[in-house]
Amino acid sequence: MQHYLESAQAVFKAVESGPSGLSSAQAEQRLQRDGKNKLRESKKDSLIKRFFQQLMDPMIIILLAASLVSALLVIFGPEGESFADVIIILSVVLINAVLGVYQESKAEAAIAALQAMSAATSKVLRDGILSTIKSEDLAVGDVILLEAGDAIPADARIFECASMQIEEAALTGESVPVSKAVETLPRAADDVPLGDRKNMVYMGSTVAYGRGRAVVTAIGMQTEMGCIAQALDQAEAGLTPLQIKLRQLSKILTWVVLGVCVFILGFEVAKELL
């Protein structure tokens, strides 16, 4: 439903709510039906998988190849040769892989900490009484009260507005706050860009000025922010031109190093046999 093309009364009817909000029982039923108001987290790789991903770097492969050749030289070479070089190379590879996994885990922990800090609360009308609840406990049909400085916890249709302006840069890229209104948009404008939906507020934006009230029309992954998160989750990570060039250089170096190592190995073996 394109709520921005409907009157506030029609939206209330569609979400089975009213200006006084939901009852606690209604909100609980809808939470059971729709789930929590939060974005779905992407599946994380295990530590073992991340460790082996570190070993797939072309330069690491070169070091592993060098350690293998060095080990073969020790085995087939003159007596008295030690495995010191092999041990040193493998130690460097192991330390590099462990540090890489550690840095990734540390970055993920920092992001998780920021998400925990941003687990904001929202002012809602429940049972006709103003309450403050966790934003993740919002349900479709809840009436939220918005004031300057508040983060918008879900997508919602405005039905009361007092000079309210919303910062929507996270969604539209527009750095200037957008003035909001209660009036229904004209029916002729079916495909209204998100930035022009003056009677709607969206998760991920912030109240820059004024105050208002709105009825929640979408939560969690059903919000516009959820659609963006889902698209990003499904998108395949591409390589930058620099990464492509480095990979090409690494492949060339790998073959050169392997060629030199095979030549040296063959020379040493031939010398021993002769």
C-alpha atoms as a PDB file:
ATOM      1  CA  MET A   1       0.000   0.000   0.000  1.00  0.00           C
ATOM      2  CA  GLN A   2       1.296   3.456  -0.945  1.00  0.00           C
ATOM      3  CA  HIS A   3       0.487   5.146   2.341  1.00  0.00           C
ATOM      4  CA  TYR A   4       1.661   8.552   1.167  1.00  0.00           C
ATOM      5  CA  LEU A   5      -1.217   8.553  -1.365  1.00  0.00           C
ATOM      6  CA  GLU A   6      -3.801   7.766   1.323  1.00  0.00           C
ATOM      7  CA  SER A   7      -5.355  10.006   3.931  1.00  0.00           C
ATOM      8  CA  ALA A   8      -4.313   9.548   7.552  1.00  0.00           C
ATOM      9  CA  GLN A   9      -7.749   8.092   8.332  1.00  0.00           C
ATOM     10  CA  ALA A  10      -7.375   5.522   5.523  1.00  0.00           C
ATOM     11  CA  VAL A  11      -3.937   4.537   6.800  1.00  0.00           C
ATOM     12  CA  PHE A  12      -5.271   4.090  10.346  1.00  0.00           C
ATOM     13  CA  LYS A  13      -7.964   1.809   8.923  1.00  0.00           C
ATOM     14  CA  ALA A  14      -5.441  -0.163   6.874  1.00  0.00           C
ATOM     15  CA  VAL A  15      -3.180  -0.844   9.862  1.00  0.00           C
ATOM     16  CA  GLU A  16      -6.146  -1.353  12.219  1.00  0.00           C
ATOM     17  CA  SER A  17      -5.169   1.373  14.626  1.00  0.00           C
ATOM     18  CA  GLY A  18      -6.187   4.878  15.692  1.00  0.00           C
ATOM     19  CA  PRO A  19      -4.785   8.185  16.986  1.00  0.00           C
ATOM     20  CA  SER A  20      -4.560   6.698  20.496  1.00  0.00           C
ATOM     21  CA  GLY A  21      -2.343   3.850  19.300  1.00  0.00           C
ATOM     22  CA  LEU A  22      -2.479   0.130  20.018  1.00  0.00           C
ATOM     23  CA  SER A  23      -3.285  -1.736  23.182  1.00  0.00           C
ATOM     24  CA  SER A  24      -0.548  -3.810  24.797  1.00  0.00           C
ATOM     25  CA  ALA A  25      -2.341  -7.000  23.738  1.00  0.00           C
ATOM     26  CA  GLN A  26      -2.569  -5.850  20.101  1.00  0.00           C
ATOM     27  CA  ALA A  27       1.087  -4.878  20.053  1.00  0.00           C
ATOM     28  CA  GLU A  28       2.122  -8.266  21.468  1.00  0.00           C
ATOM     29  CA  GLN A  29       0.051 -10.127  18.860  1.00  0.00           C
ATOM     30  CA  ARG A  30       1.588  -8.131  16.041  1.00  0.00           C
ATOM     31  CA  LEU A  31       5.103  -8.650  17.354  1.00  0.00           C
ATOM     32  CA  GLN A  32       4.440 -12.390  17.354  1.00  0.00           C
ATOM     33  CA  ARG A  33       3.146 -12.123  13.781  1.00  0.00           C
ATOM     34  CA  ASP A  34       5.681  -9.728  12.244  1.00  0.00           C
ATOM     35  CA  GLY A  35       8.744 -10.178  14.456  1.00  0.00           C
ATOM     36  CA  LYS A  36      10.990  -7.551  16.022  1.00  0.00           C
ATOM     37  CA  ASN A  37      11.565  -4.133  14.516  1.00  0.00           C
ATOM     38  CA  LYS A  38      15.211  -4.641  13.599  1.00  0.00           C
ATOM     39  CA  LEU A  39      17.255  -5.321  10.513  1.00  0.00           C
ATOM     40  CA  ARG A  40      18.329  -8.899   9.863  1.00  0.00           C
ATOM     41  CA  GLU A  41      22.019  -9.510  10.397  1.00  0.00           C
ATOM     42  CA  SER A  42      23.934 -11.238   7.643  1.00  0.00           C
ATOM     43  CA  LYS A  43      25.434 -14.665   8.363  1.00  0.00           C
ATOM     44  CA  LYS A  44      28.982 -14.447   9.658  1.00  0.00           C
ATOM     45  CA  ASP A  45      31.779 -16.755   8.577  1.00  0.00           C
ATOM     46  CA  SER A  46      33.306 -19.069  11.179  1.00  0.00           C
ATOM     47  CA  LEU A  47      36.796 -18.414  12.548  1.00  0.00           C
ATOM     48  CA  ILE A  48      38.177 -21.441  10.683  1.00  0.00           C
ATOM     49  CA  LYS A  49      36.755 -20.243   7.352  1.00  0.00           C
ATOM     50  CA  ARG A  50      38.134 -16.741   7.926  1.00  0.00           C
ATOM     51  CA  PHE A  51      41.530 -18.228   8.792  1.00  0.00           C
ATOM     52  CA  PHE A  52      41.715 -20.159   5.513  1.00  0.00           C
ATOM     53  CA  GLN A  53      40.481 -17.081   3.620  1.00  0.00           C
ATOM     54  CA  GLN A  54      43.567 -15.284   4.912  1.00  0.00           C
ATOM     55  CA  LEU A  55      45.723 -18.038   3.401  1.00  0.00           C
ATOM     56  CA  MET A  56      44.152 -17.532  -0.035  1.00  0.00           C
ATOM     57  CA  ASP A  57      45.946 -14.227  -0.552  1.00  0.00           C
ATOM     58  CA  PRO A  58      48.308 -14.537  -3.566  1.00  0.00           C
ATOM     59  CA  MET A  59      51.319 -13.275  -1.609  1.00  0.00           C
ATOM     60  CA  ILE A  60      50.671 -15.840   1.132  1.00  0.00           C
ATOM     61  CA  ILE A  61      50.493 -18.546  -1.530  1.00  0.00           C
ATOM     62  CA  ILE A  62      53.932 -17.416  -2.763  1.00  0.00           C
ATOM     63  CA  LEU A  63      55.324 -17.773   0.762  1.00  0.00           C
ATOM     64  CA  LEU A  64      53.785 -21.226   1.146  1.00  0.00           C
ATOM     65  CA  ALA A  65      55.280 -22.257  -2.192  1.00  0.00           C
ATOM     66  CA  ALA A  66      58.659 -20.904  -1.079  1.00  0.00           C
ATOM     67  CA  SER A  67      58.466 -22.870   2.167  1.00  0.00           C
ATOM     68  CA  LEU A  68      57.638 -26.047   0.227  1.00  0.00           C
ATOM     69  CA  VAL A  69      60.593 -25.581  -2.110  1.00  0.00           C
ATOM     70  CA  SER A  70      62.832 -24.783   0.846  1.00  0.00           C
ATOM     71  CA  ALA A  71      61.720 -27.986   2.567  1.00  0.00           C
ATOM     72  CA  LEU A  72      62.432 -30.012  -0.568  1.00  0.00           C
ATOM     73  CA  LEU A  73      65.896 -28.477  -0.807  1.00  0.00           C
ATOM     74  CA  VAL A  74      66.597 -29.486   2.782  1.00  0.00           C
ATOM     75  CA  ILE A  75      65.358 -33.026   2.139  1.00  0.00           C
ATOM     76  CA  PHE A  76      67.185 -33.591  -1.150  1.00  0.00           C
ATOM     77  CA  GLY A  77      70.053 -31.188  -0.616  1.00  0.00           C
ATOM     78  CA  PRO A  78      73.370 -31.641   1.158  1.00  0.00           C
ATOM     79  CA  GLU A  79      73.374 -33.076   4.636  1.00  0.00           C
ATOM     80  CA  GLY A  80      73.484 -30.640   7.515  1.00  0.00           C
ATOM     81  CA  GLU A  81      70.876 -28.270   6.061  1.00  0.00           C
ATOM     82  CA  SER A  82      68.264 -27.191   8.627  1.00  0.00           C
ATOM     83  CA  PHE A  83      64.556 -26.450   8.415  1.00  0.00           C
ATOM     84  CA  ALA A  84      65.108 -22.965   9.898  1.00  0.00           C
ATOM     85  CA  ASP A  85      63.991 -21.162   6.733  1.00  0.00           C
ATOM     86  CA  VAL A  86      60.877 -23.327   6.468  1.00  0.00           C
ATOM     87  CA  ILE A  87      59.973 -22.730  10.096  1.00  0.00           C
ATOM     88  CA  ILE A  88      60.493 -18.959   9.766  1.00  0.00           C
ATOM     89  CA  ILE A  89      58.354 -18.690   6.612  1.00  0.00           C
ATOM     90  CA  LEU A  90      55.522 -20.792   8.052  1.00  0.00           C
ATOM     91  CA  SER A  91      55.660 -18.790  11.289  1.00  0.00           C
ATOM     92  CA  VAL A  92      55.280 -15.539   9.325  1.00  0.00           C
ATOM     93  CA  VAL A  93      52.322 -16.970   7.388  1.00  0.00           C
ATOM     94  CA  LEU A  94      50.653 -18.238  10.565  1.00  0.00           C
ATOM     95  CA  ILE A  95      51.140 -14.966  12.446  1.00  0.00           C
ATOM     96  CA  ASN A  96      49.823 -12.975   9.461  1.00  0.00           C
ATOM     97  CA  ALA A  97      46.702 -15.153   9.221  1.00  0.00           C
ATOM     98  CA  VAL A  98      46.014 -14.968  12.959  1.00  0.00           C
ATOM     99  CA  LEU A  99      46.457 -11.192  13.006  1.00  0.00           C
ATOM    100  CA  GLY A 100      44.140 -10.852   9.988  1.00  0.00           C
ATOM    101  CA  VAL A 101      41.384 -12.857  11.698  1.00  0.00           C
ATOM    102  CA  TYR A 102      41.921 -10.892  14.916  1.00  0.00           C
ATOM    103  CA  GLN A 103      41.573  -7.541  13.122  1.00  0.00           C
ATOM    104  CA  GLU A 104      38.372  -8.679  11.380  1.00  0.00           C
ATOM    105  CA  SER A 105      36.896  -9.907  14.666  1.00  0.00           C
ATOM    106  CA  LYS A 106      37.861  -6.665  16.375  1.00  0.00           C
ATOM    107  CA  ALA A 107      36.159  -4.623  13.641  1.00  0.00           C
ATOM    108  CA  GLU A 108      32.993  -6.745  13.912  1.00  0.00           C
ATOM    109  CA  ALA A 109      32.999  -6.318  17.696  1.00  0.00           C
ATOM    110  CA  ALA A 110      33.253  -2.539  17.279  1.00  0.00           C
ATOM    111  CA  ILE A 111      30.315  -2.535  14.858  1.00  0.00           C
ATOM    112  CA  ALA A 112      28.274  -4.709  17.248  1.00  0.00           C
ATOM    113  CA  ALA A 113      29.051  -2.296  20.082  1.00  0.00           C
ATOM    114  CA  LEU A 114      27.855   0.644  17.993  1.00  0.00           C
ATOM    115  CA  GLN A 115      24.658  -1.240  17.126  1.00  0.00           C
ATOM    116  CA  ALA A 116      24.068  -1.912  20.823  1.00  0.00           C
ATOM    117  CA  MET A 117      24.568   1.763  21.615  1.00  0.00           C
ATOM    118  CA  SER A 118      22.122   2.753  18.877  1.00  0.00           C
ATOM    119  CA  ALA A 119      19.400   0.428  20.184  1.00  0.00           C
ATOM    120  CA  ALA A 120      17.292   3.489  20.839  1.00  0.00           C
ATOM    121  CA  THR A 121      14.000   3.837  22.639  1.00  0.00           C
ATOM    122  CA  SER A 122      10.851   5.344  21.194  1.00  0.00           C
ATOM    123  CA  LYS A 123       7.969   7.341  22.649  1.00  0.00           C
ATOM    124  CA  VAL A 124       4.703   5.607  21.781  1.00  0.00           C
ATOM    125  CA  LEU A 125       1.058   5.593  22.789  1.00  0.00           C
ATOM    126  CA  ARG A 126       0.144   2.218  24.271  1.00  0.00           C
ATOM    127  CA  ASP A 127      -3.308   1.761  25.807  1.00  0.00           C
ATOM    128  CA  GLY A 128      -3.728   5.504  25.199  1.00  0.00           C
ATOM    129  CA  ILE A 129      -0.832   6.259  27.576  1.00  0.00           C
ATOM    130  CA  LEU A 130       2.518   7.761  26.596  1.00  0.00           C
ATOM    131  CA  SER A 131       5.215   5.132  27.109  1.00  0.00           C
ATOM    132  CA  THR A 132       8.898   4.741  26.310  1.00  0.00           C
ATOM    133  CA  ILE A 133       9.804   1.351  24.849  1.00  0.00           C
ATOM    134  CA  LYS A 134      12.698  -0.208  22.951  1.00  0.00           C
ATOM    135  CA  SER A 135      12.486   0.621  19.263  1.00  0.00           C
ATOM    136  CA  GLU A 136      12.744  -3.087  18.409  1.00  0.00           C
ATOM    137  CA  ASP A 137       9.425  -3.644  20.225  1.00  0.00           C
ATOM    138  CA  LEU A 138       7.484  -1.332  17.904  1.00  0.00           C
ATOM    139  CA  ALA A 139       4.616  -2.889  15.952  1.00  0.00           C
ATOM    140  CA  VAL A 140       2.708  -1.855  12.842  1.00  0.00           C
ATOM    141  CA  GLY A 141      -0.080   0.467  13.997  1.00  0.00           C
ATOM    142  CA  ASP A 142       1.845   1.983  16.912  1.00  0.00           C
ATOM    143  CA  VAL A 143       1.583   5.760  17.228  1.00  0.00           C
ATOM    144  CA  ILE A 144       5.013   7.327  17.752  1.00  0.00           C
ATOM    145  CA  LEU A 145       5.727  10.808  19.079  1.00  0.00           C
ATOM    146  CA  LEU A 146       8.581  12.631  17.382  1.00  0.00           C
ATOM    147  CA  GLU A 147      10.598  15.615  18.604  1.00  0.00           C
ATOM    148  CA  ALA A 148      13.768  17.398  17.508  1.00  0.00           C
ATOM    149  CA  GLY A 149      16.779  15.083  17.912  1.00  0.00           C
ATOM    150  CA  ASP A 150      14.781  11.841  17.780  1.00  0.00           C
ATOM    151  CA  ALA A 151      15.849   9.030  15.471  1.00  0.00           C
ATOM    152  CA  ILE A 152      12.996   7.678  13.370  1.00  0.00           C
ATOM    153  CA  PRO A 153      12.556   4.046  14.537  1.00  0.00           C
ATOM    154  CA  ALA A 154      10.347   2.775  11.676  1.00  0.00           C
ATOM    155  CA  ASP A 155       8.504   3.843   8.537  1.00  0.00           C
ATOM    156  CA  ALA A 156       5.400   5.808   9.487  1.00  0.00           C
ATOM    157  CA  ARG A 157       2.622   8.037   8.105  1.00  0.00           C
ATOM    158  CA  ILE A 158       2.445  11.496   9.699  1.00  0.00           C
ATOM    159  CA  PHE A 159      -0.952  12.592  11.017  1.00  0.00           C
ATOM    160  CA  GLU A 160       0.138  15.502  13.232  1.00  0.00           C
ATOM    161  CA  CYS A 161       2.904  17.919  12.303  1.00  0.00           C
ATOM    162  CA  ALA A 162       4.191  21.156  13.843  1.00  0.00           C
ATOM    163  CA  SER A 163       6.932  22.611  11.606  1.00  0.00           C
ATOM    164  CA  MET A 164       8.647  19.226  11.559  1.00  0.00           C
ATOM    165  CA  GLN A 165      11.775  18.815   9.424  1.00  0.00           C
ATOM    166  CA  ILE A 166      13.499  15.477   8.854  1.00  0.00           C
ATOM    167  CA  GLU A 167      17.130  14.756   7.990  1.00  0.00           C
ATOM    168  CA  GLU A 168      16.938  11.966   5.370  1.00  0.00           C
ATOM    169  CA  ALA A 169      20.531  11.959   4.087  1.00  0.00           C
ATOM    170  CA  ALA A 170      20.982   8.244   4.894  1.00  0.00           C
ATOM    171  CA  LEU A 171      18.188   7.365   2.451  1.00  0.00           C
ATOM    172  CA  THR A 172      18.168  10.086  -0.177  1.00  0.00           C
ATOM    173  CA  GLY A 173      21.625  11.673   0.065  1.00  0.00           C
ATOM    174  CA  GLU A 174      19.973  15.060   0.527  1.00  0.00           C
ATOM    175  CA  SER A 175      21.859  16.949   3.242  1.00  0.00           C
ATOM    176  CA  VAL A 176      19.172  19.635   3.716  1.00  0.00           C
ATOM    177  CA  PRO A 177      16.353  18.694   6.145  1.00  0.00           C
ATOM    178  CA  VAL A 178      12.994  18.088   4.469  1.00  0.00           C
ATOM    179  CA  SER A 179       9.849  19.878   5.681  1.00  0.00           C
ATOM    180  CA  LYS A 180       7.024  17.474   6.453  1.00  0.00           C
ATOM    181  CA  ALA A 181       3.250  17.844   6.287  1.00  0.00           C
ATOM    182  CA  VAL A 182       0.062  15.868   6.970  1.00  0.00           C
ATOM    183  CA  GLU A 183      -1.677  16.413   3.627  1.00  0.00           C
ATOM    184  CA  THR A 184      -2.176  13.493   1.239  1.00  0.00           C
ATOM    185  CA  LEU A 185      -0.115  13.601  -1.949  1.00  0.00           C
ATOM    186  CA  PRO A 186      -2.041  13.922  -5.223  1.00  0.00           C
ATOM    187  CA  ARG A 187      -3.174  10.638  -6.805  1.00  0.00           C
ATOM    188  CA  ALA A 188      -1.627  11.604 -10.122  1.00  0.00           C
ATOM    189  CA  ALA A 189       1.833  11.135  -8.620  1.00  0.00           C
ATOM    190  CA  ASP A 190       1.826   7.333  -8.259  1.00  0.00           C
ATOM    191  CA  ASP A 191       5.590   6.943  -8.508  1.00  0.00           C
ATOM    192  CA  VAL A 192       6.695   9.539  -5.952  1.00  0.00           C
ATOM    193  CA  PRO A 193      10.434   9.542  -5.132  1.00  0.00           C
ATOM    194  CA  LEU A 194      11.166   8.817  -1.503  1.00  0.00           C
ATOM    195  CA  GLY A 195      12.522  12.318  -0.905  1.00  0.00           C
ATOM    196  CA  ASP A 196       9.234  13.875  -2.060  1.00  0.00           C
ATOM    197  CA  ARG A 197       6.975  11.888   0.255  1.00  0.00           C
ATOM    198  CA  LYS A 198       6.289  14.820   2.558  1.00  0.00           C
ATOM    199  CA  ASN A 199       3.768  12.974   4.725  1.00  0.00           C
ATOM    200  CA  MET A 200       6.031  10.011   5.564  1.00  0.00           C
ATOM    201  CA  VAL A 201       8.997   9.436   7.868  1.00  0.00           C
ATOM    202  CA  TYR A 202      11.453   6.581   7.442  1.00  0.00           C
ATOM    203  CA  MET A 203      13.744   4.462   9.597  1.00  0.00           C
ATOM    204  CA  GLY A 204      17.298   5.762   9.513  1.00  0.00           C
ATOM    205  CA  SER A 205      16.344   9.441   9.382  1.00  0.00           C
ATOM    206  CA  THR A 206      16.355  12.008  12.199  1.00  0.00           C
ATOM    207  CA  VAL A 207      14.057  14.798  13.337  1.00  0.00           C
ATOM    208  CA  ALA A 208      15.991  18.021  12.821  1.00  0.00           C
ATOM    209  CA  TYR A 209      13.295  20.485  13.885  1.00  0.00           C
ATOM    210  CA  GLY A 210       9.736  20.618  15.178  1.00  0.00           C
ATOM    211  CA  ARG A 211       7.558  17.803  16.422  1.00  0.00           C
ATOM    212  CA  GLY A 212       4.801  15.505  15.257  1.00  0.00           C
ATOM    213  CA  ARG A 213       2.990  12.212  15.519  1.00  0.00           C
ATOM    214  CA  ALA A 214       2.918   9.328  13.074  1.00  0.00           C
ATOM    215  CA  VAL A 215       1.450   5.845  12.794  1.00  0.00           C
ATOM    216  CA  VAL A 216       3.887   3.018  12.042  1.00  0.00           C
ATOM    217  CA  THR A 217       3.287   1.406   8.637  1.00  0.00           C
ATOM    218  CA  ALA A 218       6.343  -0.860   8.314  1.00  0.00           C
ATOM    219  CA  ILE A 219       8.977  -2.321  10.637  1.00  0.00           C
ATOM    220  CA  GLY A 220      12.257  -4.196  10.352  1.00  0.00           C
ATOM    221  CA  MET A 221      13.132  -5.596   6.940  1.00  0.00           C
ATOM    222  CA  GLN A 222       9.859  -4.265   5.483  1.00  0.00           C
ATOM    223  CA  THR A 223      11.056  -0.667   5.848  1.00  0.00           C
ATOM    224  CA  GLU A 224      12.863   1.288   3.135  1.00  0.00           C
ATOM    225  CA  MET A 225      16.074   0.897   5.151  1.00  0.00           C
ATOM    226  CA  GLY A 226      15.413  -2.853   5.307  1.00  0.00           C
ATOM    227  CA  CYS A 227      15.112  -2.978   1.510  1.00  0.00           C
ATOM    228  CA  ILE A 228      18.495  -1.266   1.217  1.00  0.00           C
ATOM    229  CA  ALA A 229      20.045  -3.666   3.755  1.00  0.00           C
ATOM    230  CA  GLN A 230      18.650  -6.666   1.864  1.00  0.00           C
ATOM    231  CA  ALA A 231      19.990  -5.372  -1.456  1.00  0.00           C
ATOM    232  CA  LEU A 232      23.443  -4.846   0.078  1.00  0.00           C
ATOM    233  CA  ASP A 233      23.370  -8.313   1.625  1.00  0.00           C
ATOM    234  CA  GLN A 234      22.605  -9.919  -1.742  1.00  0.00           C
ATOM    235  CA  ALA A 235      25.112  -7.841  -3.702  1.00  0.00           C
ATOM    236  CA  GLU A 236      28.412  -9.483  -4.564  1.00  0.00           C
ATOM    237  CA  ALA A 237      31.526  -7.651  -3.462  1.00  0.00           C
ATOM    238  CA  GLY A 238      33.573  -6.610  -6.476  1.00  0.00           C
ATOM    239  CA  LEU A 239      37.267  -5.901  -6.743  1.00  0.00           C
ATOM    240  CA  THR A 240      38.672  -2.431  -7.186  1.00  0.00           C
ATOM    241  CA  PRO A 241      40.964  -1.772 -10.192  1.00  0.00           C
ATOM    242  CA  LEU A 242      43.929  -1.636  -7.796  1.00  0.00           C
ATOM    243  CA  GLN A 243      43.038  -5.046  -6.327  1.00  0.00           C
ATOM    244  CA  ILE A 244      42.733  -6.504  -9.826  1.00  0.00           C
ATOM    245  CA  LYS A 245      46.187  -5.176 -10.798  1.00  0.00           C
ATOM    246  CA  LEU A 246      47.721  -6.467  -7.556  1.00  0.00           C
ATOM    247  CA  ARG A 247      46.254  -9.908  -8.155  1.00  0.00           C
ATOM    248  CA  GLN A 248      47.659  -9.946 -11.678  1.00  0.00           C
ATOM    249  CA  LEU A 249      51.074  -8.903 -10.354  1.00  0.00           C
ATOM    250  CA  SER A 250      50.890 -11.552  -7.629  1.00  0.00           C
ATOM    251  CA  LYS A 251      50.160 -14.272 -10.205  1.00  0.00           C
ATOM    252  CA  ILE A 252      53.130 -13.188 -12.314  1.00  0.00           C
ATOM    253  CA  LEU A 253      55.410 -13.119  -9.269  1.00  0.00           C
ATOM    254  CA  THR A 254      54.109 -16.517  -8.186  1.00  0.00           C
ATOM    255  CA  TRP A 255      55.050 -18.144 -11.493  1.00  0.00           C
ATOM    256  CA  VAL A 256      58.424 -16.379 -11.574  1.00  0.00           C
ATOM    257  CA  VAL A 257      59.261 -17.477  -8.025  1.00  0.00           C
ATOM    258  CA  LEU A 258      58.093 -21.042  -8.683  1.00  0.00           C
ATOM    259  CA  GLY A 259      60.141 -21.150 -11.875  1.00  0.00           C
ATOM    260  CA  VAL A 260      63.272 -19.952 -10.085  1.00  0.00           C
ATOM    261  CA  CYS A 261      62.704 -22.385  -7.209  1.00  0.00           C
ATOM    262  CA  VAL A 262      62.189 -25.336  -9.565  1.00  0.00           C
ATOM    263  CA  PHE A 263      65.368 -24.395 -11.447  1.00  0.00           C
ATOM    264  CA  ILE A 264      67.379 -24.170  -8.224  1.00  0.00           C
ATOM    265  CA  LEU A 265      65.908 -27.444  -6.959  1.00  0.00           C
ATOM    266  CA  GLY A 266      66.702 -29.204 -10.222  1.00  0.00           C
ATOM    267  CA  PHE A 267      70.211 -27.759 -10.256  1.00  0.00           C
ATOM    268  CA  GLU A 268      70.886 -28.939  -6.682  1.00  0.00           C
ATOM    269  CA  VAL A 269      69.501 -32.415  -7.352  1.00  0.00           C
ATOM    270  CA  ALA A 270      71.493 -32.733 -10.583  1.00  0.00           C
ATOM    271  CA  LYS A 271      74.639 -31.609  -8.791  1.00  0.00           C
ATOM    272  CA  GLU A 272      74.133 -34.251  -6.087  1.00  0.00           C
ATOM    273  CA  LEU A 273      73.535 -36.988  -8.627  1.00  0.00           C
ATOM    274  CA  LEU A 274      76.579 -36.064 -10.627  1.00  0.00           C
END
